[in-house]
Amino acid sequence: MKFGIIIETKEYEKAWNAFRFAVTAKKSGHDVKVFLMGEAVECEGLTHAKYNVDEQLKLFVKEGGEILACGTCLKSRQLEGTDACPISTMIDCVQLVEWADKTVTF
């Protein structure tokens, strides 16, 4: 199955669970793409003693998962895309939803 995951939060536990879901889906053999929108574009590097979002994000990438980050959301925060989270557009988000068999939002 193909999962499209849209994450809109950088709240530690919610973002951590979103990436745990993504990692588990990849390890279960599913195709998974993640689109970061709003404050979620700040997830890379986000660490907490109990909910290490960055660790799960990196594990997702290591498992072959693809992450896209909203360019407008990055620019509004004076951030740039990275190798793990490249700048993307709303067109990319629409294409992710079209591609996915199921879309999940966090």
PDB file of N, CA and C in Angstrom:
ATOM      1  N   MET A   1       0.838  -1.170   0.000  1.00  0.00           N
ATOM      2  CA  MET A   1       0.000   0.000   0.000  1.00  0.00           C
ATOM      3  C   MET A   1       0.887   1.239   0.000  1.00  0.00           C
ATOM      4  N   LYS A   2       0.365   2.333  -0.544  1.00  0.00           N
ATOM      5  CA  LYS A   2       1.088   3.602  -0.561  1.00  0.00           C
ATOM      6  C   LYS A   2       0.438   4.559   0.441  1.00  0.00           C
ATOM      7  N   PHE A   3       1.249   5.015   1.408  1.00  0.00           N
ATOM      8  CA  PHE A   3       0.772   5.944   2.424  1.00  0.00           C
ATOM      9  C   PHE A   3       1.343   7.338   2.177  1.00  0.00           C
ATOM     10  N   GLY A   4       0.480   8.333   2.129  1.00  0.00           N
ATOM     11  CA  GLY A   4       0.889   9.728   2.141  1.00  0.00           C
ATOM     12  C   GLY A   4       0.620  10.263   3.532  1.00  0.00           C
ATOM     13  N   ILE A   5       1.633  10.824   4.163  1.00  0.00           N
ATOM     14  CA  ILE A   5       1.479  11.339   5.523  1.00  0.00           C
ATOM     15  C   ILE A   5       1.743  12.836   5.497  1.00  0.00           C
ATOM     16  N   ILE A   6       0.774  13.604   5.964  1.00  0.00           N
ATOM     17  CA  ILE A   6       0.925  15.053   6.057  1.00  0.00           C
ATOM     18  C   ILE A   6       1.055  15.401   7.529  1.00  0.00           C
ATOM     19  N   ILE A   7       2.178  16.033   7.865  1.00  0.00           N
ATOM     20  CA  ILE A   7       2.435  16.427   9.252  1.00  0.00           C
ATOM     21  C   ILE A   7       2.394  17.943   9.328  1.00  0.00           C
ATOM     22  N   GLU A   8       1.608  18.469  10.273  1.00  0.00           N
ATOM     23  CA  GLU A   8       1.450  19.916  10.429  1.00  0.00           C
ATOM     24  C   GLU A   8       1.852  20.418  11.810  1.00  0.00           C
ATOM     25  N   THR A   9       2.492  19.575  12.598  1.00  0.00           N
ATOM     26  CA  THR A   9       2.841  19.968  13.960  1.00  0.00           C
ATOM     27  C   THR A   9       4.307  19.685  14.258  1.00  0.00           C
ATOM     28  N   LYS A  10       4.861  20.488  15.135  1.00  0.00           N
ATOM     29  CA  LYS A  10       6.187  20.182  15.668  1.00  0.00           C
ATOM     30  C   LYS A  10       6.084  19.856  17.160  1.00  0.00           C
ATOM     31  N   GLU A  11       4.833  19.664  17.630  1.00  0.00           N
ATOM     32  CA  GLU A  11       4.636  19.237  19.011  1.00  0.00           C
ATOM     33  C   GLU A  11       5.337  17.884  19.164  1.00  0.00           C
ATOM     34  N   TYR A  12       6.221  17.801  20.128  1.00  0.00           N
ATOM     35  CA  TYR A  12       7.121  16.658  20.247  1.00  0.00           C
ATOM     36  C   TYR A  12       6.434  15.301  20.105  1.00  0.00           C
ATOM     37  N   GLU A  13       5.480  15.016  20.963  1.00  0.00           N
ATOM     38  CA  GLU A  13       4.898  13.681  20.975  1.00  0.00           C
ATOM     39  C   GLU A  13       4.129  13.379  19.689  1.00  0.00           C
ATOM     40  N   LYS A  14       3.385  14.352  19.178  1.00  0.00           N
ATOM     41  CA  LYS A  14       2.612  14.122  17.955  1.00  0.00           C
ATOM     42  C   LYS A  14       3.521  13.916  16.747  1.00  0.00           C
ATOM     43  N   ALA A  15       4.533  14.759  16.603  1.00  0.00           N
ATOM     44  CA  ALA A  15       5.459  14.617  15.473  1.00  0.00           C
ATOM     45  C   ALA A  15       6.244  13.313  15.590  1.00  0.00           C
ATOM     46  N   TRP A  16       6.654  12.960  16.793  1.00  0.00           N
ATOM     47  CA  TRP A  16       7.375  11.709  17.047  1.00  0.00           C
ATOM     48  C   TRP A  16       6.520  10.512  16.644  1.00  0.00           C
ATOM     49  N   ASN A  17       5.242  10.526  17.030  1.00  0.00           N
ATOM     50  CA  ASN A  17       4.339   9.433  16.670  1.00  0.00           C
ATOM     51  C   ASN A  17       4.092   9.386  15.161  1.00  0.00           C
ATOM     52  N   ALA A  18       4.018  10.526  14.514  1.00  0.00           N
ATOM     53  CA  ALA A  18       3.833  10.558  13.062  1.00  0.00           C
ATOM     54  C   ALA A  18       5.003   9.871  12.363  1.00  0.00           C
ATOM     55  N   PHE A  19       6.210  10.196  12.775  1.00  0.00           N
ATOM     56  CA  PHE A  19       7.373   9.563  12.162  1.00  0.00           C
ATOM     57  C   PHE A  19       7.518   8.099  12.578  1.00  0.00           C
ATOM     58  N   ARG A  20       7.108   7.749  13.776  1.00  0.00           N
ATOM     59  CA  ARG A  20       7.116   6.332  14.172  1.00  0.00           C
ATOM     60  C   ARG A  20       6.168   5.534  13.278  1.00  0.00           C
ATOM     61  N   PHE A  21       5.008   6.120  12.989  1.00  0.00           N
ATOM     62  CA  PHE A  21       4.058   5.488  12.075  1.00  0.00           C
ATOM     63  C   PHE A  21       4.691   5.308  10.700  1.00  0.00           C
ATOM     64  N   ALA A  22       5.356   6.358  10.212  1.00  0.00           N
ATOM     65  CA  ALA A  22       6.004   6.302   8.901  1.00  0.00           C
ATOM     66  C   ALA A  22       7.085   5.223   8.862  1.00  0.00           C
ATOM     67  N   VAL A  23       7.901   5.155   9.901  1.00  0.00           N
ATOM     68  CA  VAL A  23       8.971   4.147   9.977  1.00  0.00           C
ATOM     69  C   VAL A  23       8.362   2.746  10.016  1.00  0.00           C
ATOM     70  N   THR A  24       7.342   2.552  10.825  1.00  0.00           N
ATOM     71  CA  THR A  24       6.706   1.241  10.942  1.00  0.00           C
ATOM     72  C   THR A  24       6.084   0.817   9.619  1.00  0.00           C
ATOM     73  N   ALA A  25       5.460   1.748   8.920  1.00  0.00           N
ATOM     74  CA  ALA A  25       4.865   1.438   7.618  1.00  0.00           C
ATOM     75  C   ALA A  25       5.949   1.028   6.616  1.00  0.00           C
ATOM     76  N   LYS A  26       7.076   1.757   6.609  1.00  0.00           N
ATOM     77  CA  LYS A  26       8.187   1.395   5.709  1.00  0.00           C
ATOM     78  C   LYS A  26       8.720   0.011   6.045  1.00  0.00           C
ATOM     79  N   LYS A  27       8.928  -0.253   7.321  1.00  0.00           N
ATOM     80  CA  LYS A  27       9.456  -1.555   7.740  1.00  0.00           C
ATOM     81  C   LYS A  27       8.477  -2.689   7.450  1.00  0.00           C
ATOM     82  N   SER A  28       7.189  -2.352   7.289  1.00  0.00           N
ATOM     83  CA  SER A  28       6.167  -3.344   6.966  1.00  0.00           C
ATOM     84  C   SER A  28       6.025  -3.537   5.463  1.00  0.00           C
ATOM     85  N   GLY A  29       6.869  -2.842   4.696  1.00  0.00           N
ATOM     86  CA  GLY A  29       6.882  -3.034   3.252  1.00  0.00           C
ATOM     87  C   GLY A  29       6.042  -2.071   2.439  1.00  0.00           C
ATOM     88  N   HIS A  30       5.515  -1.041   3.066  1.00  0.00           N
ATOM     89  CA  HIS A  30       4.692  -0.067   2.352  1.00  0.00           C
ATOM     90  C   HIS A  30       5.555   1.039   1.743  1.00  0.00           C
ATOM     91  N   ASP A  31       5.051   1.668   0.686  1.00  0.00           N
ATOM     92  CA  ASP A  31       5.662   2.872   0.141  1.00  0.00           C
ATOM     93  C   ASP A  31       5.114   4.046   0.942  1.00  0.00           C
ATOM     94  N   VAL A  32       6.004   4.941   1.395  1.00  0.00           N
ATOM     95  CA  VAL A  32       5.579   6.039   2.269  1.00  0.00           C
ATOM     96  C   VAL A  32       6.256   7.333   1.861  1.00  0.00           C
ATOM     97  N   LYS A  33       5.444   8.394   1.758  1.00  0.00           N
ATOM     98  CA  LYS A  33       5.962   9.737   1.538  1.00  0.00           C
ATOM     99  C   LYS A  33       5.368  10.645   2.610  1.00  0.00           C
ATOM    100  N   VAL A  34       6.189  11.576   3.103  1.00  0.00           N
ATOM    101  CA  VAL A  34       5.769  12.516   4.137  1.00  0.00           C
ATOM    102  C   VAL A  34       5.857  13.929   3.578  1.00  0.00           C
ATOM    103  N   PHE A  35       4.825  14.727   3.824  1.00  0.00           N
ATOM    104  CA  PHE A  35       4.839  16.139   3.461  1.00  0.00           C
ATOM    105  C   PHE A  35       4.753  16.946   4.751  1.00  0.00           C
ATOM    106  N   LEU A  36       5.755  17.809   4.982  1.00  0.00           N
ATOM    107  CA  LEU A  36       5.783  18.675   6.166  1.00  0.00           C
ATOM    108  C   LEU A  36       5.188  20.021   5.797  1.00  0.00           C
ATOM    109  N   MET A  37       4.238  20.470   6.601  1.00  0.00           N
ATOM    110  CA  MET A  37       3.555  21.730   6.337  1.00  0.00           C
ATOM    111  C   MET A  37       3.466  22.537   7.632  1.00  0.00           C
ATOM    112  N   GLY A  38       3.415  23.859   7.500  1.00  0.00           N
ATOM    113  CA  GLY A  38       3.314  24.706   8.684  1.00  0.00           C
ATOM    114  C   GLY A  38       4.530  24.520   9.577  1.00  0.00           C
ATOM    115  N   GLU A  39       4.288  24.494  10.880  1.00  0.00           N
ATOM    116  CA  GLU A  39       5.398  24.392  11.833  1.00  0.00           C
ATOM    117  C   GLU A  39       6.151  23.073  11.743  1.00  0.00           C
ATOM    118  N   ALA A  40       5.575  22.076  11.084  1.00  0.00           N
ATOM    119  CA  ALA A  40       6.252  20.776  10.950  1.00  0.00           C
ATOM    120  C   ALA A  40       7.536  20.871  10.133  1.00  0.00           C
ATOM    121  N   VAL A  41       7.696  21.936   9.349  1.00  0.00           N
ATOM    122  CA  VAL A  41       8.947  22.082   8.591  1.00  0.00           C
ATOM    123  C   VAL A  41      10.135  22.259   9.534  1.00  0.00           C
ATOM    124  N   GLU A  42       9.877  22.465  10.809  1.00  0.00           N
ATOM    125  CA  GLU A  42      10.925  22.606  11.815  1.00  0.00           C
ATOM    126  C   GLU A  42      11.255  21.278  12.509  1.00  0.00           C
ATOM    127  N   CYS A  43      10.719  20.161  12.034  1.00  0.00           N
ATOM    128  CA  CYS A  43      10.923  18.862  12.690  1.00  0.00           C
ATOM    129  C   CYS A  43      12.356  18.355  12.609  1.00  0.00           C
ATOM    130  N   GLU A  44      13.052  18.649  11.530  1.00  0.00           N
ATOM    131  CA  GLU A  44      14.426  18.176  11.432  1.00  0.00           C
ATOM    132  C   GLU A  44      15.250  18.866  12.513  1.00  0.00           C
ATOM    133  N   GLY A  45      15.942  18.083  13.311  1.00  0.00           N
ATOM    134  CA  GLY A  45      16.737  18.636  14.406  1.00  0.00           C
ATOM    135  C   GLY A  45      15.960  18.782  15.704  1.00  0.00           C
ATOM    136  N   LEU A  46      14.680  18.440  15.704  1.00  0.00           N
ATOM    137  CA  LEU A  46      13.822  18.589  16.879  1.00  0.00           C
ATOM    138  C   LEU A  46      14.036  17.409  17.829  1.00  0.00           C
ATOM    139  N   THR A  47      14.618  17.689  18.987  1.00  0.00           N
ATOM    140  CA  THR A  47      14.899  16.621  19.944  1.00  0.00           C
ATOM    141  C   THR A  47      14.273  16.920  21.305  1.00  0.00           C
ATOM    142  N   HIS A  48      13.964  15.866  22.005  1.00  0.00           N
ATOM    143  CA  HIS A  48      13.369  15.928  23.336  1.00  0.00           C
ATOM    144  C   HIS A  48      13.838  14.657  24.038  1.00  0.00           C
ATOM    145  N   ALA A  49      14.010  14.721  25.339  1.00  0.00           N
ATOM    146  CA  ALA A  49      14.517  13.559  26.071  1.00  0.00           C
ATOM    147  C   ALA A  49      13.650  12.313  25.858  1.00  0.00           C
ATOM    148  N   LYS A  50      12.350  12.486  25.797  1.00  0.00           N
ATOM    149  CA  LYS A  50      11.435  11.348  25.665  1.00  0.00           C
ATOM    150  C   LYS A  50      10.970  11.142  24.226  1.00  0.00           C
ATOM    151  N   TYR A  51      10.792  12.232  23.459  1.00  0.00           N
ATOM    152  CA  TYR A  51      10.237  12.157  22.101  1.00  0.00           C
ATOM    153  C   TYR A  51      11.233  12.767  21.117  1.00  0.00           C
ATOM    154  N   ASN A  52      12.182  11.950  20.680  1.00  0.00           N
ATOM    155  CA  ASN A  52      13.232  12.434  19.790  1.00  0.00           C
ATOM    156  C   ASN A  52      12.749  12.367  18.334  1.00  0.00           C
ATOM    157  N   VAL A  53      12.148  13.466  17.886  1.00  0.00           N
ATOM    158  CA  VAL A  53      11.580  13.546  16.540  1.00  0.00           C
ATOM    159  C   VAL A  53      12.673  13.373  15.490  1.00  0.00           C
ATOM    160  N   ASP A  54      13.791  14.056  15.669  1.00  0.00           N
ATOM    161  CA  ASP A  54      14.871  14.002  14.687  1.00  0.00           C
ATOM    162  C   ASP A  54      15.373  12.567  14.488  1.00  0.00           C
ATOM    163  N   GLU A  55      15.458  11.808  15.557  1.00  0.00           N
ATOM    164  CA  GLU A  55      15.906  10.420  15.453  1.00  0.00           C
ATOM    165  C   GLU A  55      14.960   9.597  14.575  1.00  0.00           C
ATOM    166  N   GLN A  56      13.653   9.767  14.784  1.00  0.00           N
ATOM    167  CA  GLN A  56      12.670   9.040  13.981  1.00  0.00           C
ATOM    168  C   GLN A  56      12.680   9.521  12.525  1.00  0.00           C
ATOM    169  N   LEU A  57      12.845  10.826  12.321  1.00  0.00           N
ATOM    170  CA  LEU A  57      12.929  11.386  10.975  1.00  0.00           C
ATOM    171  C   LEU A  57      14.104  10.777  10.220  1.00  0.00           C
ATOM    172  N   LYS A  58      15.250  10.719  10.867  1.00  0.00           N
ATOM    173  CA  LYS A  58      16.441  10.150  10.233  1.00  0.00           C
ATOM    174  C   LYS A  58      16.274   8.651   9.982  1.00  0.00           C
ATOM    175  N   LEU A  59      15.632   7.953  10.890  1.00  0.00           N
ATOM    176  CA  LEU A  59      15.373   6.528  10.699  1.00  0.00           C
ATOM    177  C   LEU A  59      14.449   6.315   9.496  1.00  0.00           C
ATOM    178  N   PHE A  60      13.453   7.170   9.337  1.00  0.00           N
ATOM    179  CA  PHE A  60      12.544   7.093   8.195  1.00  0.00           C
ATOM    180  C   PHE A  60      13.312   7.261   6.881  1.00  0.00           C
ATOM    181  N   VAL A  61      14.193   8.243   6.834  1.00  0.00           N
ATOM    182  CA  VAL A  61      15.011   8.473   5.632  1.00  0.00           C
ATOM    183  C   VAL A  61      15.914   7.261   5.384  1.00  0.00           C
ATOM    184  N   LYS A  62      16.514   6.743   6.447  1.00  0.00           N
ATOM    185  CA  LYS A  62      17.392   5.569   6.327  1.00  0.00           C
ATOM    186  C   LYS A  62      16.640   4.363   5.769  1.00  0.00           C
ATOM    187  N   GLU A  63      15.365   4.249   6.109  1.00  0.00           N
ATOM    188  CA  GLU A  63      14.529   3.145   5.629  1.00  0.00           C
ATOM    189  C   GLU A  63      14.078   3.366   4.180  1.00  0.00           C
ATOM    190  N   GLY A  64      14.465   4.512   3.600  1.00  0.00           N
ATOM    191  CA  GLY A  64      14.109   4.794   2.203  1.00  0.00           C
ATOM    192  C   GLY A  64      12.874   5.648   2.036  1.00  0.00           C
ATOM    193  N   GLY A  65      12.401   6.243   3.119  1.00  0.00           N
ATOM    194  CA  GLY A  65      11.235   7.113   3.045  1.00  0.00           C
ATOM    195  C   GLY A  65      11.570   8.457   2.413  1.00  0.00           C
ATOM    196  N   GLU A  66      10.579   9.064   1.808  1.00  0.00           N
ATOM    197  CA  GLU A  66      10.755  10.368   1.154  1.00  0.00           C
ATOM    198  C   GLU A  66      10.016  11.447   1.947  1.00  0.00           C
ATOM    199  N   ILE A  67      10.720  12.565   2.186  1.00  0.00           N
ATOM    200  CA  ILE A  67      10.134  13.706   2.890  1.00  0.00           C
ATOM    201  C   ILE A  67      10.152  14.905   1.957  1.00  0.00           C
ATOM    202  N   LEU A  68       9.044  15.642   1.941  1.00  0.00           N
ATOM    203  CA  LEU A  68       8.939  16.898   1.210  1.00  0.00           C
ATOM    204  C   LEU A  68       8.559  17.980   2.219  1.00  0.00           C
ATOM    205  N   ALA A  69       9.099  19.178   2.048  1.00  0.00           N
ATOM    206  CA  ALA A  69       8.808  20.267   2.986  1.00  0.00           C
ATOM    207  C   ALA A  69       8.242  21.461   2.227  1.00  0.00           C
ATOM    208  N   CYS A  70       7.157  22.014   2.704  1.00  0.00           N
ATOM    209  CA  CYS A  70       6.494  23.157   2.072  1.00  0.00           C
ATOM    210  C   CYS A  70       7.457  24.341   1.978  1.00  0.00           C
ATOM    211  N   GLY A  71       7.738  24.762   0.757  1.00  0.00           N
ATOM    212  CA  GLY A  71       8.663  25.872   0.536  1.00  0.00           C
ATOM    213  C   GLY A  71       8.173  27.175   1.129  1.00  0.00           C
ATOM    214  N   THR A  72       6.878  27.454   1.004  1.00  0.00           N
ATOM    215  CA  THR A  72       6.317  28.689   1.563  1.00  0.00           C
ATOM    216  C   THR A  72       6.454  28.697   3.080  1.00  0.00           C
ATOM    217  N   CYS A  73       6.213  27.547   3.691  1.00  0.00           N
ATOM    218  CA  CYS A  73       6.325  27.432   5.152  1.00  0.00           C
ATOM    219  C   CYS A  73       7.773  27.591   5.604  1.00  0.00           C
ATOM    220  N   LEU A  74       8.712  27.022   4.837  1.00  0.00           N
ATOM    221  CA  LEU A  74      10.134  27.200   5.144  1.00  0.00           C
ATOM    222  C   LEU A  74      10.529  28.667   5.025  1.00  0.00           C
ATOM    223  N   LYS A  75      10.173  29.282   3.921  1.00  0.00           N
ATOM    224  CA  LYS A  75      10.558  30.681   3.670  1.00  0.00           C
ATOM    225  C   LYS A  75       9.989  31.620   4.719  1.00  0.00           C
ATOM    226  N   SER A  76       8.758  31.371   5.179  1.00  0.00           N
ATOM    227  CA  SER A  76       8.150  32.243   6.190  1.00  0.00           C
ATOM    228  C   SER A  76       8.891  32.170   7.523  1.00  0.00           C
ATOM    229  N   ARG A  77       9.712  31.135   7.690  1.00  0.00           N
ATOM    230  CA  ARG A  77      10.516  30.956   8.903  1.00  0.00           C
ATOM    231  C   ARG A  77      11.992  31.205   8.642  1.00  0.00           C
ATOM    232  N   GLN A  78      12.299  31.766   7.484  1.00  0.00           N
ATOM    233  CA  GLN A  78      13.679  32.018   7.059  1.00  0.00           C
ATOM    234  C   GLN A  78      14.522  30.739   7.116  1.00  0.00           C
ATOM    235  N   LEU A  79      13.925  29.617   6.703  1.00  0.00           N
ATOM    236  CA  LEU A  79      14.608  28.335   6.653  1.00  0.00           C
ATOM    237  C   LEU A  79      14.789  27.922   5.199  1.00  0.00           C
ATOM    238  N   GLU A  80      15.704  26.994   4.988  1.00  0.00           N
ATOM    239  CA  GLU A  80      15.937  26.458   3.655  1.00  0.00           C
ATOM    240  C   GLU A  80      15.701  24.956   3.689  1.00  0.00           C
ATOM    241  N   GLY A  81      15.506  24.384   2.527  1.00  0.00           N
ATOM    242  CA  GLY A  81      15.376  22.941   2.434  1.00  0.00           C
ATOM    243  C   GLY A  81      16.701  22.276   2.749  1.00  0.00           C
ATOM    244  N   THR A  82      16.647  20.993   3.046  1.00  0.00           N
ATOM    245  CA  THR A  82      17.851  20.202   3.322  1.00  0.00           C
ATOM    246  C   THR A  82      17.797  18.943   2.460  1.00  0.00           C
ATOM    247  N   ASP A  83      18.856  18.155   2.510  1.00  0.00           N
ATOM    248  CA  ASP A  83      18.853  16.887   1.768  1.00  0.00           C
ATOM    249  C   ASP A  83      17.705  15.988   2.248  1.00  0.00           C
ATOM    250  N   ALA A  84      17.479  15.956   3.544  1.00  0.00           N
ATOM    251  CA  ALA A  84      16.418  15.113   4.097  1.00  0.00           C
ATOM    252  C   ALA A  84      15.029  15.699   3.854  1.00  0.00           C
ATOM    253  N   CYS A  85      14.945  17.038   3.842  1.00  0.00           N
ATOM    254  CA  CYS A  85      13.659  17.725   3.700  1.00  0.00           C
ATOM    255  C   CYS A  85      13.746  18.798   2.614  1.00  0.00           C
ATOM    256  N   PRO A  86      13.717  18.386   1.349  1.00  0.00           N
ATOM    257  CA  PRO A  86      13.858  19.358   0.265  1.00  0.00           C
ATOM    258  C   PRO A  86      12.628  20.260   0.121  1.00  0.00           C
ATOM    259  N   ILE A  87      12.867  21.468  -0.400  1.00  0.00           N
ATOM    260  CA  ILE A  87      11.785  22.418  -0.644  1.00  0.00           C
ATOM    261  C   ILE A  87      10.827  21.842  -1.677  1.00  0.00           C
ATOM    262  N   SER A  88       9.548  21.917  -1.364  1.00  0.00           N
ATOM    263  CA  SER A  88       8.503  21.421  -2.249  1.00  0.00           C
ATOM    264  C   SER A  88       7.386  22.444  -2.336  1.00  0.00           C
ATOM    265  N   THR A  89       6.370  22.124  -3.117  1.00  0.00           N
ATOM    266  CA  THR A  89       5.261  23.056  -3.348  1.00  0.00           C
ATOM    267  C   THR A  89       3.932  22.389  -3.022  1.00  0.00           C
ATOM    268  N   MET A  90       2.873  23.166  -3.078  1.00  0.00           N
ATOM    269  CA  MET A  90       1.532  22.608  -2.903  1.00  0.00           C
ATOM    270  C   MET A  90       1.209  21.629  -4.025  1.00  0.00           C
ATOM    271  N   ILE A  91       1.763  21.851  -5.193  1.00  0.00           N
ATOM    272  CA  ILE A  91       1.571  20.891  -6.287  1.00  0.00           C
ATOM    273  C   ILE A  91       2.122  19.530  -5.874  1.00  0.00           C
ATOM    274  N   ASP A  92       3.301  19.528  -5.215  1.00  0.00           N
ATOM    275  CA  ASP A  92       3.878  18.278  -4.723  1.00  0.00           C
ATOM    276  C   ASP A  92       2.969  17.616  -3.680  1.00  0.00           C
ATOM    277  N   CYS A  93       2.336  18.438  -2.848  1.00  0.00           N
ATOM    278  CA  CYS A  93       1.421  17.904  -1.830  1.00  0.00           C
ATOM    279  C   CYS A  93       0.199  17.270  -2.503  1.00  0.00           C
ATOM    280  N   VAL A  94      -0.346  17.945  -3.498  1.00  0.00           N
ATOM    281  CA  VAL A  94      -1.483  17.397  -4.249  1.00  0.00           C
ATOM    282  C   VAL A  94      -1.085  16.076  -4.913  1.00  0.00           C
ATOM    283  N   GLN A  95       0.096  16.046  -5.516  1.00  0.00           N
ATOM    284  CA  GLN A  95       0.566  14.832  -6.169  1.00  0.00           C
ATOM    285  C   GLN A  95       0.771  13.695  -5.176  1.00  0.00           C
ATOM    286  N   LEU A  96       1.225  14.017  -3.967  1.00  0.00           N
ATOM    287  CA  LEU A  96       1.360  13.005  -2.927  1.00  0.00           C
ATOM    288  C   LEU A  96       0.000  12.396  -2.600  1.00  0.00           C
ATOM    289  N   VAL A  97      -1.023  13.234  -2.461  1.00  0.00           N
ATOM    290  CA  VAL A  97      -2.367  12.739  -2.139  1.00  0.00           C
ATOM    291  C   VAL A  97      -2.914  11.904  -3.294  1.00  0.00           C
ATOM    292  N   GLU A  98      -2.673  12.338  -4.523  1.00  0.00           N
ATOM    293  CA  GLU A  98      -3.110  11.572  -5.693  1.00  0.00           C
ATOM    294  C   GLU A  98      -2.409  10.213  -5.762  1.00  0.00           C
ATOM    295  N   TRP A  99      -1.128  10.193  -5.417  1.00  0.00           N
ATOM    296  CA  TRP A  99      -0.303   8.984  -5.466  1.00  0.00           C
ATOM    297  C   TRP A  99      -0.727   7.962  -4.410  1.00  0.00           C
ATOM    298  N   ALA A 100      -1.093   8.443  -3.231  1.00  0.00           N
ATOM    299  CA  ALA A 100      -1.335   7.579  -2.070  1.00  0.00           C
ATOM    300  C   ALA A 100      -2.634   6.800  -2.181  1.00  0.00           C
ATOM    301  N   ASP A 101      -2.590   5.560  -1.666  1.00  0.00           N
ATOM    302  CA  ASP A 101      -3.817   4.802  -1.490  1.00  0.00           C
ATOM    303  C   ASP A 101      -4.573   5.307  -0.262  1.00  0.00           C
ATOM    304  N   LYS A 102      -3.808   5.734   0.725  1.00  0.00           N
ATOM    305  CA  LYS A 102      -4.354   6.282   1.969  1.00  0.00           C
ATOM    306  C   LYS A 102      -3.536   7.494   2.364  1.00  0.00           C
ATOM    307  N   THR A 103      -4.207   8.527   2.834  1.00  0.00           N
ATOM    308  CA  THR A 103      -3.523   9.721   3.334  1.00  0.00           C
ATOM    309  C   THR A 103      -3.862   9.878   4.811  1.00  0.00           C
ATOM    310  N   VAL A 104      -2.824  10.107   5.603  1.00  0.00           N
ATOM    311  CA  VAL A 104      -2.964  10.260   7.057  1.00  0.00           C
ATOM    312  C   VAL A 104      -2.412  11.622   7.424  1.00  0.00           C
ATOM    313  N   THR A 105      -3.081  12.326   8.331  1.00  0.00           N
ATOM    314  CA  THR A 105      -2.573  13.624   8.778  1.00  0.00           C
ATOM    315  C   THR A 105      -2.334  13.606  10.281  1.00  0.00           C
ATOM    316  N   PHE A 106      -1.295  14.325  10.679  1.00  0.00           N
ATOM    317  CA  PHE A 106      -0.950  14.492  12.093  1.00  0.00           C
ATOM    318  C   PHE A 106      -0.809  15.977  12.356  1.00  0.00           C
TER     319      PHE A 106
END
